N, C-alpha and C. Protein backbone atom coordinates (compact mmCIF):
# COMPACT_ATOMS: atom_id res chain seq x y z
N MET A 1 114.34 151.79 96.86
CA MET A 1 114.91 150.49 96.58
C MET A 1 115.77 150.55 95.33
N ALA A 2 116.84 149.81 95.33
CA ALA A 2 117.70 149.76 94.16
C ALA A 2 117.04 148.91 93.09
N SER A 3 117.42 149.14 91.83
CA SER A 3 116.78 148.41 90.74
C SER A 3 117.68 147.36 90.12
N LYS A 4 118.83 147.11 90.70
CA LYS A 4 119.72 146.12 90.10
C LYS A 4 119.57 144.76 90.78
N THR A 5 119.94 143.72 90.06
CA THR A 5 119.90 142.38 90.62
C THR A 5 121.08 142.21 91.56
N SER A 6 120.81 141.69 92.75
CA SER A 6 121.85 141.54 93.75
C SER A 6 122.34 140.11 93.82
N SER A 7 123.66 139.96 93.96
CA SER A 7 124.22 138.63 94.17
C SER A 7 124.71 138.48 95.60
N ARG A 8 124.50 139.52 96.41
CA ARG A 8 124.94 139.47 97.81
C ARG A 8 123.85 138.86 98.67
N THR A 9 124.24 138.16 99.72
CA THR A 9 123.28 137.52 100.60
C THR A 9 123.49 137.97 102.03
N PRO A 10 122.39 138.06 102.83
CA PRO A 10 122.53 138.43 104.23
C PRO A 10 123.29 137.36 104.99
N SER A 11 123.97 137.75 106.05
CA SER A 11 124.68 136.79 106.87
C SER A 11 123.68 136.01 107.71
N ARG A 12 124.03 134.78 108.08
CA ARG A 12 123.13 133.93 108.85
C ARG A 12 122.96 134.43 110.27
N ASP A 13 123.98 135.10 110.82
CA ASP A 13 123.87 135.53 112.21
C ASP A 13 123.18 136.87 112.35
N GLY A 14 122.73 137.47 111.25
CA GLY A 14 121.97 138.70 111.33
C GLY A 14 122.82 139.94 111.54
N ALA A 15 124.11 139.88 111.25
CA ALA A 15 124.96 141.05 111.41
C ALA A 15 124.50 142.17 110.49
N ALA A 16 124.61 143.41 110.95
CA ALA A 16 124.12 144.54 110.17
C ALA A 16 125.00 144.82 108.97
N LYS A 17 126.29 144.50 109.04
CA LYS A 17 127.18 144.76 107.91
C LYS A 17 128.06 143.54 107.67
N LYS A 18 128.42 143.34 106.41
CA LYS A 18 129.33 142.25 106.05
C LYS A 18 130.24 142.76 104.96
N GLY A 19 131.53 142.83 105.25
CA GLY A 19 132.48 143.32 104.27
C GLY A 19 132.18 144.74 103.83
N GLY A 20 131.65 145.56 104.75
CA GLY A 20 131.35 146.95 104.43
C GLY A 20 130.01 147.14 103.73
N GLN A 21 129.30 146.05 103.44
CA GLN A 21 128.00 146.15 102.76
C GLN A 21 126.88 146.25 103.80
N ASP A 22 125.88 147.04 103.49
CA ASP A 22 124.72 147.17 104.35
C ASP A 22 123.77 146.01 104.06
N ILE A 23 123.64 145.08 105.01
CA ILE A 23 122.83 143.88 104.80
C ILE A 23 121.37 144.24 104.57
N ALA A 24 120.86 145.24 105.29
CA ALA A 24 119.47 145.65 105.11
C ALA A 24 119.23 146.11 103.68
N ALA A 25 120.21 146.83 103.11
CA ALA A 25 120.07 147.33 101.74
C ALA A 25 120.03 146.17 100.75
N THR A 26 120.89 145.16 100.95
CA THR A 26 120.89 144.02 100.03
C THR A 26 119.60 143.22 100.17
N TYR A 27 119.04 143.16 101.38
CA TYR A 27 117.78 142.45 101.59
C TYR A 27 116.67 143.11 100.77
N ASN A 28 116.66 144.44 100.72
CA ASN A 28 115.58 145.17 100.07
C ASN A 28 115.82 145.43 98.58
N GLU A 29 116.99 145.08 98.06
CA GLU A 29 117.26 145.26 96.64
C GLU A 29 116.42 144.30 95.80
N PHE A 30 116.15 144.69 94.54
CA PHE A 30 115.47 143.79 93.62
C PHE A 30 116.41 142.67 93.21
N LYS A 31 115.88 141.47 93.15
CA LYS A 31 116.60 140.29 92.69
C LYS A 31 115.74 139.64 91.60
N GLU A 32 116.28 138.63 90.94
CA GLU A 32 115.52 137.98 89.87
C GLU A 32 115.56 136.48 90.03
N PHE A 33 114.41 135.85 89.79
CA PHE A 33 114.29 134.39 89.83
C PHE A 33 113.38 133.95 88.69
N GLU A 34 113.93 133.18 87.75
CA GLU A 34 113.18 132.70 86.58
C GLU A 34 112.42 133.82 85.89
N GLY A 35 113.09 134.96 85.71
CA GLY A 35 112.50 136.09 85.01
C GLY A 35 111.57 136.95 85.85
N ARG A 36 111.39 136.62 87.10
CA ARG A 36 110.49 137.37 87.98
C ARG A 36 111.31 138.16 88.98
N ARG A 37 111.00 139.44 89.14
CA ARG A 37 111.71 140.28 90.11
C ARG A 37 111.07 140.15 91.48
N TYR A 38 111.92 140.18 92.51
CA TYR A 38 111.41 140.11 93.88
C TYR A 38 112.38 140.81 94.81
N THR A 39 111.91 141.12 96.02
CA THR A 39 112.77 141.67 97.06
C THR A 39 112.71 140.74 98.27
N GLY A 40 113.54 141.01 99.25
CA GLY A 40 113.52 140.21 100.47
C GLY A 40 114.65 139.20 100.48
N MET A 41 114.44 138.14 101.26
CA MET A 41 115.46 137.11 101.40
C MET A 41 115.76 136.46 100.05
N LYS A 42 117.04 136.22 99.83
CA LYS A 42 117.48 135.63 98.57
C LYS A 42 117.10 134.16 98.51
N ILE A 43 116.78 133.67 97.32
CA ILE A 43 116.46 132.26 97.10
C ILE A 43 117.60 131.40 97.62
N GLY A 44 117.25 130.37 98.37
CA GLY A 44 118.25 129.45 98.92
C GLY A 44 118.61 129.73 100.37
N ARG A 45 118.27 130.92 100.88
CA ARG A 45 118.53 131.24 102.29
C ARG A 45 117.42 130.65 103.15
N SER A 46 117.59 130.65 104.46
CA SER A 46 116.56 130.06 105.32
C SER A 46 116.39 130.84 106.62
N HIS A 47 115.22 130.68 107.23
CA HIS A 47 114.90 131.23 108.54
C HIS A 47 114.78 130.09 109.53
N LYS A 48 115.04 130.38 110.79
CA LYS A 48 114.77 129.42 111.86
C LYS A 48 113.90 130.13 112.88
N TRP A 49 112.81 129.47 113.28
CA TRP A 49 111.86 130.08 114.21
C TRP A 49 111.60 129.16 115.38
N TYR A 50 111.22 129.77 116.51
CA TYR A 50 110.72 129.04 117.66
C TYR A 50 109.26 129.42 117.85
N TYR A 51 108.41 128.42 118.03
CA TYR A 51 106.99 128.67 118.23
C TYR A 51 106.64 128.58 119.71
N ASP A 52 105.90 129.58 120.20
CA ASP A 52 105.41 129.54 121.58
C ASP A 52 104.40 128.40 121.71
N GLN A 53 103.98 128.14 122.95
CA GLN A 53 102.94 127.14 123.14
C GLN A 53 101.67 127.67 122.47
N GLY A 54 101.22 126.97 121.46
CA GLY A 54 100.06 127.42 120.68
C GLY A 54 98.83 126.59 120.95
N GLU A 55 97.78 126.92 120.24
CA GLU A 55 96.52 126.18 120.38
C GLU A 55 96.16 125.57 119.04
N TRP A 56 96.07 124.25 119.00
CA TRP A 56 95.70 123.50 117.80
C TRP A 56 94.33 122.90 118.07
N LYS A 57 93.35 123.26 117.24
CA LYS A 57 92.01 122.70 117.36
C LYS A 57 91.71 121.92 116.10
N GLU A 58 91.06 120.77 116.25
CA GLU A 58 90.70 119.97 115.09
C GLU A 58 89.31 119.39 115.26
N THR A 59 88.58 119.31 114.14
CA THR A 59 87.23 118.77 114.13
C THR A 59 87.16 117.70 113.06
N LYS A 60 86.65 116.53 113.44
CA LYS A 60 86.57 115.42 112.50
C LYS A 60 85.42 115.65 111.52
N ILE A 61 85.72 115.60 110.22
CA ILE A 61 84.75 115.87 109.16
C ILE A 61 84.28 114.56 108.51
N THR A 62 85.22 113.65 108.24
CA THR A 62 84.93 112.33 107.68
C THR A 62 85.84 111.34 108.41
N PRO A 63 85.72 110.04 108.14
CA PRO A 63 86.62 109.09 108.82
C PRO A 63 88.11 109.41 108.65
N ASP A 64 88.48 110.08 107.52
CA ASP A 64 89.90 110.35 107.25
C ASP A 64 90.23 111.84 107.16
N GLU A 65 89.29 112.72 107.39
CA GLU A 65 89.53 114.15 107.20
C GLU A 65 89.19 114.94 108.46
N TRP A 66 90.09 115.85 108.81
CA TRP A 66 89.89 116.73 109.96
C TRP A 66 90.08 118.17 109.52
N GLN A 67 89.26 119.06 110.03
CA GLN A 67 89.47 120.48 109.82
C GLN A 67 90.32 120.98 110.97
N ILE A 68 91.40 121.72 110.66
CA ILE A 68 92.32 122.17 111.70
C ILE A 68 92.37 123.69 111.80
N ASN A 69 92.69 124.17 112.98
CA ASN A 69 92.91 125.59 113.23
C ASN A 69 94.04 125.70 114.24
N TYR A 70 95.06 126.49 113.89
CA TYR A 70 96.24 126.61 114.76
C TYR A 70 96.60 128.08 114.90
N ALA A 71 96.80 128.53 116.12
CA ALA A 71 97.17 129.93 116.37
C ALA A 71 98.31 129.96 117.38
N VAL A 72 99.36 130.71 117.04
CA VAL A 72 100.54 130.78 117.92
C VAL A 72 101.40 131.96 117.51
N LYS A 73 102.24 132.43 118.40
CA LYS A 73 103.24 133.44 118.06
C LYS A 73 104.55 132.72 117.77
N LYS A 74 105.23 133.12 116.68
CA LYS A 74 106.53 132.53 116.39
C LYS A 74 107.61 133.59 116.59
N ARG A 75 108.79 133.13 117.01
CA ARG A 75 109.88 134.05 117.32
C ARG A 75 111.13 133.63 116.55
N ARG A 76 111.81 134.63 115.99
CA ARG A 76 113.03 134.37 115.23
C ARG A 76 114.11 133.81 116.15
N ALA A 77 114.81 132.77 115.69
CA ALA A 77 115.87 132.17 116.50
C ALA A 77 117.05 133.14 116.66
N GLY A 78 117.36 133.90 115.61
CA GLY A 78 118.43 134.88 115.69
C GLY A 78 117.85 136.29 115.70
N LYS A 79 118.59 137.23 115.14
CA LYS A 79 118.13 138.61 115.05
C LYS A 79 118.16 139.05 113.59
N ALA A 80 117.11 139.73 113.16
CA ALA A 80 117.07 140.25 111.79
C ALA A 80 118.05 141.40 111.67
N PRO A 81 118.72 141.54 110.52
CA PRO A 81 119.59 142.70 110.32
C PRO A 81 118.79 143.98 110.50
N GLU A 82 119.35 144.94 111.20
CA GLU A 82 118.64 146.19 111.48
C GLU A 82 118.22 146.87 110.18
N GLY A 83 116.95 147.23 110.11
CA GLY A 83 116.43 147.93 108.94
C GLY A 83 115.97 147.02 107.81
N SER A 84 116.16 145.70 107.97
CA SER A 84 115.75 144.78 106.91
C SER A 84 114.31 144.32 107.14
N GLY A 85 113.77 143.69 106.15
CA GLY A 85 112.44 143.12 106.29
C GLY A 85 111.33 144.13 106.07
N VAL A 86 110.11 143.64 106.19
CA VAL A 86 108.93 144.48 105.95
C VAL A 86 108.55 145.24 107.22
N PRO A 87 107.77 146.31 107.09
CA PRO A 87 107.35 147.07 108.27
C PRO A 87 106.43 146.26 109.18
N VAL A 88 106.44 146.62 110.46
CA VAL A 88 105.53 146.00 111.44
C VAL A 88 104.09 146.24 110.97
N GLY A 89 103.27 145.22 111.03
CA GLY A 89 101.89 145.32 110.59
C GLY A 89 101.63 144.69 109.24
N THR A 90 102.70 144.28 108.53
CA THR A 90 102.55 143.61 107.25
C THR A 90 101.91 142.24 107.48
N GLY A 91 101.02 141.83 106.60
CA GLY A 91 100.35 140.53 106.73
C GLY A 91 100.62 139.63 105.55
N TYR A 92 100.51 138.33 105.77
CA TYR A 92 100.70 137.35 104.71
C TYR A 92 99.60 136.30 104.77
N HIS A 93 99.21 135.79 103.61
CA HIS A 93 98.32 134.64 103.53
C HIS A 93 99.09 133.53 102.83
N TRP A 94 99.46 132.51 103.61
CA TRP A 94 100.21 131.37 103.10
C TRP A 94 99.27 130.18 102.98
N TYR A 95 99.58 129.27 102.06
CA TYR A 95 98.89 128.00 101.99
C TYR A 95 99.94 126.91 102.19
N ILE A 96 99.68 126.01 103.13
CA ILE A 96 100.66 124.99 103.51
C ILE A 96 100.20 123.61 103.07
N LEU A 97 101.11 122.85 102.46
CA LEU A 97 100.90 121.44 102.16
C LEU A 97 101.98 120.69 102.93
N ALA A 98 101.58 119.77 103.79
CA ALA A 98 102.57 119.15 104.65
C ALA A 98 102.19 117.73 105.06
N HIS A 99 103.20 116.97 105.39
CA HIS A 99 103.02 115.68 106.04
C HIS A 99 103.11 115.94 107.54
N GLN A 100 102.19 115.38 108.31
CA GLN A 100 102.29 115.41 109.76
C GLN A 100 102.47 113.98 110.22
N ASN A 101 103.59 113.69 110.86
CA ASN A 101 103.87 112.35 111.38
C ASN A 101 103.76 112.38 112.89
N VAL A 102 102.93 111.49 113.42
CA VAL A 102 102.57 111.51 114.83
C VAL A 102 102.77 110.13 115.44
N THR A 103 103.28 110.09 116.68
CA THR A 103 103.42 108.85 117.43
C THR A 103 102.84 109.04 118.82
N LYS A 104 101.95 108.15 119.22
CA LYS A 104 101.36 108.24 120.56
C LYS A 104 102.39 107.78 121.59
N LEU A 105 102.61 108.63 122.59
CA LEU A 105 103.59 108.34 123.63
C LEU A 105 102.94 107.78 124.89
N ASN A 106 101.77 108.30 125.23
CA ASN A 106 100.99 107.81 126.36
C ASN A 106 99.55 108.25 126.16
N ALA A 107 98.71 108.11 127.16
CA ALA A 107 97.29 108.42 127.01
C ALA A 107 97.02 109.85 126.55
N ASN A 108 97.89 110.79 126.92
CA ASN A 108 97.62 112.20 126.63
C ASN A 108 98.67 112.91 125.78
N ASP A 109 99.77 112.26 125.47
CA ASP A 109 100.86 112.92 124.75
C ASP A 109 101.20 112.21 123.44
N TYR A 110 101.53 113.03 122.44
CA TYR A 110 101.97 112.54 121.14
C TYR A 110 103.20 113.33 120.71
N SER A 111 104.13 112.67 120.06
CA SER A 111 105.21 113.40 119.40
C SER A 111 104.70 113.72 118.00
N THR A 112 105.05 114.89 117.47
CA THR A 112 104.56 115.25 116.15
C THR A 112 105.62 116.05 115.40
N SER A 113 105.69 115.83 114.10
CA SER A 113 106.58 116.61 113.25
C SER A 113 105.88 116.87 111.93
N MET A 114 106.18 118.02 111.33
CA MET A 114 105.59 118.36 110.03
C MET A 114 106.69 118.70 109.05
N THR A 115 106.54 118.20 107.83
CA THR A 115 107.47 118.48 106.75
C THR A 115 106.66 118.82 105.52
N GLY A 116 106.94 119.95 104.91
CA GLY A 116 106.16 120.32 103.75
C GLY A 116 106.64 121.59 103.09
N VAL A 117 105.73 122.23 102.39
CA VAL A 117 106.03 123.47 101.67
C VAL A 117 104.90 124.47 101.92
N LYS A 118 105.23 125.76 101.78
CA LYS A 118 104.20 126.78 101.88
C LYS A 118 104.31 127.72 100.70
N PHE A 119 103.17 128.23 100.27
CA PHE A 119 103.09 129.11 99.11
C PHE A 119 102.42 130.41 99.52
N LYS A 120 102.96 131.53 99.09
CA LYS A 120 102.33 132.81 99.39
C LYS A 120 101.20 133.06 98.40
N LEU A 121 100.00 133.22 98.91
CA LEU A 121 98.85 133.54 98.07
C LEU A 121 98.66 135.05 97.97
N ALA A 122 99.00 135.78 99.04
CA ALA A 122 98.82 137.23 99.02
C ALA A 122 99.55 137.84 100.21
N HIS A 123 99.74 139.16 100.15
CA HIS A 123 100.29 139.91 101.27
C HIS A 123 99.53 141.22 101.41
N LYS A 124 99.61 141.81 102.60
CA LYS A 124 98.98 143.10 102.86
C LYS A 124 100.02 144.02 103.47
N ARG A 125 100.29 145.12 102.80
CA ARG A 125 101.28 146.06 103.31
C ARG A 125 100.77 146.72 104.59
N ALA A 126 101.70 147.10 105.44
CA ALA A 126 101.35 147.66 106.75
C ALA A 126 100.49 148.92 106.62
N ASP A 127 100.71 149.71 105.57
CA ASP A 127 99.99 150.96 105.41
C ASP A 127 98.79 150.85 104.47
N GLN A 128 98.40 149.62 104.12
CA GLN A 128 97.28 149.41 103.20
C GLN A 128 96.17 148.60 103.88
N GLU A 129 94.95 148.80 103.43
CA GLU A 129 93.82 148.02 103.94
C GLU A 129 93.58 146.78 103.09
N LYS A 130 93.94 146.86 101.80
CA LYS A 130 93.64 145.77 100.87
C LYS A 130 94.82 144.80 100.75
N TRP A 131 94.48 143.55 100.43
CA TRP A 131 95.48 142.54 100.15
C TRP A 131 95.98 142.70 98.72
N SER A 132 97.12 142.13 98.42
CA SER A 132 97.72 142.25 97.09
C SER A 132 96.93 141.50 96.03
N ALA A 133 96.06 140.61 96.45
CA ALA A 133 95.22 139.85 95.51
C ALA A 133 93.84 139.68 96.12
N SER A 134 92.83 139.73 95.29
CA SER A 134 91.45 139.55 95.76
C SER A 134 91.24 138.10 96.20
N PRO A 135 90.19 137.83 96.98
CA PRO A 135 89.90 136.43 97.35
C PRO A 135 89.78 135.52 96.13
N ARG A 136 89.19 136.02 95.06
CA ARG A 136 89.05 135.22 93.83
C ARG A 136 90.41 134.93 93.21
N ALA A 137 91.29 135.95 93.16
CA ALA A 137 92.62 135.76 92.59
C ALA A 137 93.44 134.79 93.45
N GLN A 138 93.28 134.88 94.77
CA GLN A 138 93.97 133.96 95.67
C GLN A 138 93.50 132.53 95.44
N ARG A 139 92.19 132.39 95.27
CA ARG A 139 91.61 131.06 95.02
C ARG A 139 92.15 130.49 93.70
N ASN A 140 92.20 131.31 92.66
CA ASN A 140 92.71 130.86 91.37
C ASN A 140 94.18 130.46 91.45
N LYS A 141 94.96 131.23 92.23
CA LYS A 141 96.37 130.89 92.41
C LYS A 141 96.50 129.56 93.13
N LEU A 142 95.66 129.35 94.14
CA LEU A 142 95.70 128.09 94.88
C LEU A 142 95.32 126.92 93.98
N ILE A 143 94.32 127.10 93.15
CA ILE A 143 93.91 126.05 92.20
C ILE A 143 95.08 125.69 91.29
N LYS A 144 95.79 126.71 90.80
CA LYS A 144 96.95 126.46 89.92
C LYS A 144 98.03 125.67 90.67
N ILE A 145 98.31 126.06 91.92
CA ILE A 145 99.31 125.36 92.73
C ILE A 145 98.93 123.90 92.91
N LEU A 146 97.67 123.66 93.26
CA LEU A 146 97.22 122.29 93.52
C LEU A 146 97.23 121.45 92.24
N LYS A 147 96.88 122.05 91.12
CA LYS A 147 96.94 121.32 89.85
C LYS A 147 98.37 120.91 89.52
N GLU A 148 99.32 121.82 89.77
CA GLU A 148 100.73 121.50 89.53
C GLU A 148 101.19 120.38 90.45
N MET A 149 100.72 120.41 91.70
CA MET A 149 101.08 119.37 92.65
C MET A 149 100.51 118.01 92.23
N ILE A 150 99.29 118.02 91.72
CA ILE A 150 98.67 116.79 91.24
C ILE A 150 99.50 116.21 90.10
N GLN A 151 99.97 117.07 89.18
CA GLN A 151 100.81 116.60 88.08
C GLN A 151 102.09 115.98 88.61
N GLU A 152 102.69 116.61 89.62
CA GLU A 152 103.92 116.07 90.22
C GLU A 152 103.65 114.71 90.86
N LEU A 153 102.52 114.60 91.57
CA LEU A 153 102.17 113.33 92.21
C LEU A 153 101.94 112.24 91.17
N GLU A 154 101.23 112.58 90.10
CA GLU A 154 100.94 111.60 89.06
C GLU A 154 102.19 111.15 88.33
N SER A 155 103.15 112.04 88.17
CA SER A 155 104.39 111.67 87.48
C SER A 155 105.27 110.79 88.35
N GLY A 156 105.05 110.80 89.66
CA GLY A 156 105.82 109.95 90.58
C GLY A 156 104.94 108.96 91.28
N ALA A 157 103.91 108.45 90.57
CA ALA A 157 102.90 107.57 91.18
C ALA A 157 103.47 106.25 91.68
N ASP A 158 104.66 105.84 91.20
CA ASP A 158 105.23 104.57 91.61
C ASP A 158 105.94 104.65 92.96
N GLU A 159 106.09 105.88 93.52
CA GLU A 159 106.76 106.03 94.81
C GLU A 159 105.81 105.64 95.94
N PRO A 160 106.32 104.97 96.98
CA PRO A 160 105.45 104.56 98.09
C PRO A 160 104.99 105.77 98.90
N ALA A 161 103.67 105.93 99.08
CA ALA A 161 103.11 107.08 99.79
C ALA A 161 103.14 106.88 101.30
N THR A 162 103.40 105.65 101.77
CA THR A 162 103.36 105.39 103.21
C THR A 162 104.74 105.40 103.84
N ASP A 163 105.79 105.46 103.05
CA ASP A 163 107.15 105.48 103.57
C ASP A 163 107.48 106.89 104.04
N THR A 164 107.57 107.07 105.36
CA THR A 164 107.79 108.39 105.94
C THR A 164 109.06 109.03 105.43
N ALA A 165 110.15 108.29 105.39
CA ALA A 165 111.42 108.85 104.94
C ALA A 165 111.33 109.28 103.48
N ALA A 166 110.70 108.45 102.66
CA ALA A 166 110.59 108.76 101.23
C ALA A 166 109.71 109.98 101.01
N THR A 167 108.59 110.05 101.72
CA THR A 167 107.68 111.18 101.51
C THR A 167 108.27 112.46 102.05
N ALA A 168 109.00 112.39 103.15
CA ALA A 168 109.63 113.59 103.69
C ALA A 168 110.64 114.14 102.69
N LYS A 169 111.42 113.24 102.06
CA LYS A 169 112.38 113.69 101.06
C LYS A 169 111.66 114.31 99.87
N ALA A 170 110.51 113.72 99.49
CA ALA A 170 109.78 114.21 98.33
C ALA A 170 109.18 115.59 98.58
N VAL A 171 108.86 115.89 99.83
CA VAL A 171 108.20 117.15 100.14
C VAL A 171 109.17 118.31 100.23
N VAL A 172 110.35 118.09 100.77
CA VAL A 172 111.28 119.18 101.02
C VAL A 172 112.28 119.30 99.88
N PRO A 173 112.30 120.47 99.19
CA PRO A 173 113.26 120.62 98.12
C PRO A 173 114.68 120.67 98.67
N ALA A 174 115.62 120.11 97.92
CA ALA A 174 117.02 120.12 98.35
C ALA A 174 117.53 121.55 98.38
N LYS A 175 118.40 121.85 99.37
CA LYS A 175 118.99 123.19 99.46
C LYS A 175 119.93 123.38 98.30
N LYS A 176 119.77 124.51 97.62
CA LYS A 176 120.65 124.84 96.50
C LYS A 176 121.30 126.17 96.77
N LYS A 177 122.52 126.32 96.30
CA LYS A 177 123.20 127.59 96.47
C LYS A 177 122.65 128.60 95.48
N ALA A 178 122.43 129.81 95.97
CA ALA A 178 121.92 130.88 95.09
C ALA A 178 123.04 131.28 94.14
N PRO A 179 122.78 131.74 92.92
CA PRO A 179 121.43 131.86 92.39
C PRO A 179 120.93 130.53 91.84
N VAL A 180 119.65 130.31 91.96
CA VAL A 180 119.02 129.09 91.47
C VAL A 180 118.36 129.42 90.14
N THR A 181 118.59 128.60 89.15
CA THR A 181 118.03 128.89 87.85
C THR A 181 116.67 128.24 87.66
N LYS A 182 116.45 127.10 88.28
CA LYS A 182 115.17 126.44 88.13
C LYS A 182 114.87 125.66 89.39
N THR A 183 113.63 125.77 89.87
CA THR A 183 113.23 125.03 91.06
C THR A 183 112.13 124.06 90.68
N LYS A 184 112.36 122.78 90.98
CA LYS A 184 111.33 121.78 90.72
C LYS A 184 110.40 121.76 91.91
N LYS A 185 109.10 121.78 91.65
CA LYS A 185 108.13 121.77 92.73
C LYS A 185 108.21 120.42 93.44
N PRO A 186 108.24 120.42 94.79
CA PRO A 186 108.32 119.16 95.52
C PRO A 186 107.02 118.36 95.41
N LYS A 187 107.14 117.05 95.61
CA LYS A 187 105.97 116.18 95.56
C LYS A 187 105.34 116.13 96.93
N VAL A 188 104.04 116.31 96.97
CA VAL A 188 103.33 116.35 98.25
C VAL A 188 102.07 115.52 98.16
N LYS A 189 101.80 114.73 99.19
CA LYS A 189 100.57 113.98 99.24
C LYS A 189 99.55 114.80 100.00
N THR A 190 98.43 115.09 99.35
CA THR A 190 97.40 115.89 100.01
C THR A 190 96.04 115.37 99.56
N LYS A 191 95.00 115.64 100.36
CA LYS A 191 93.68 115.16 100.02
C LYS A 191 92.79 116.26 99.51
N ARG A 192 92.49 117.24 100.35
CA ARG A 192 91.57 118.29 99.96
C ARG A 192 91.98 119.58 100.65
N ALA A 193 91.72 120.71 100.01
CA ALA A 193 92.13 121.99 100.55
C ALA A 193 90.94 122.76 101.08
N LEU A 194 91.13 123.44 102.21
CA LEU A 194 90.15 124.37 102.73
C LEU A 194 90.69 125.76 102.43
N VAL A 195 89.91 126.61 101.80
CA VAL A 195 90.38 127.92 101.40
C VAL A 195 89.86 128.97 102.37
N SER A 196 90.77 129.81 102.86
CA SER A 196 90.36 130.92 103.71
C SER A 196 91.32 132.07 103.50
N THR A 197 90.89 133.28 103.83
CA THR A 197 91.76 134.45 103.71
C THR A 197 91.90 135.09 105.06
């Protein structure tokens, strides 16, 4: 991997080369965000995925709380640049905070949409058995994330929590052109977190 900060970005259509540059190489180069080095997709870029028919299971815990479990395969809408990305077998542990808006259509069908944010708690390289962070370290990172979210919620306590349009805007950060110098954490309404690895 190269050690310089890259200002080049992969093309949206997944072309292998752009202007003579190897897109896979730029994807894997080190970049910098708020003093932190990282590789992979550049800040401000986006992915689009299609989800197969999945299985969503939920169990009612309290009058207002449900435990959920969702399993599905997701497929990239386009094609990844050849040679870019992590090796097959790489794993990720994400934590998602989201609004789910649902409308009953008939006795058995509902329309549903989710808007929110996800945070990487850990990853596991394809050739490694261990995760990048222990369960305890992942838990501590999650606690820090949730505390920051609580501060954001408290600082915007005058905003209506029931207005779908307002909360959706509060959850999704505005798209910014790279490079981004500072990212404000989005405001999210959440109740309680279930921790798993």
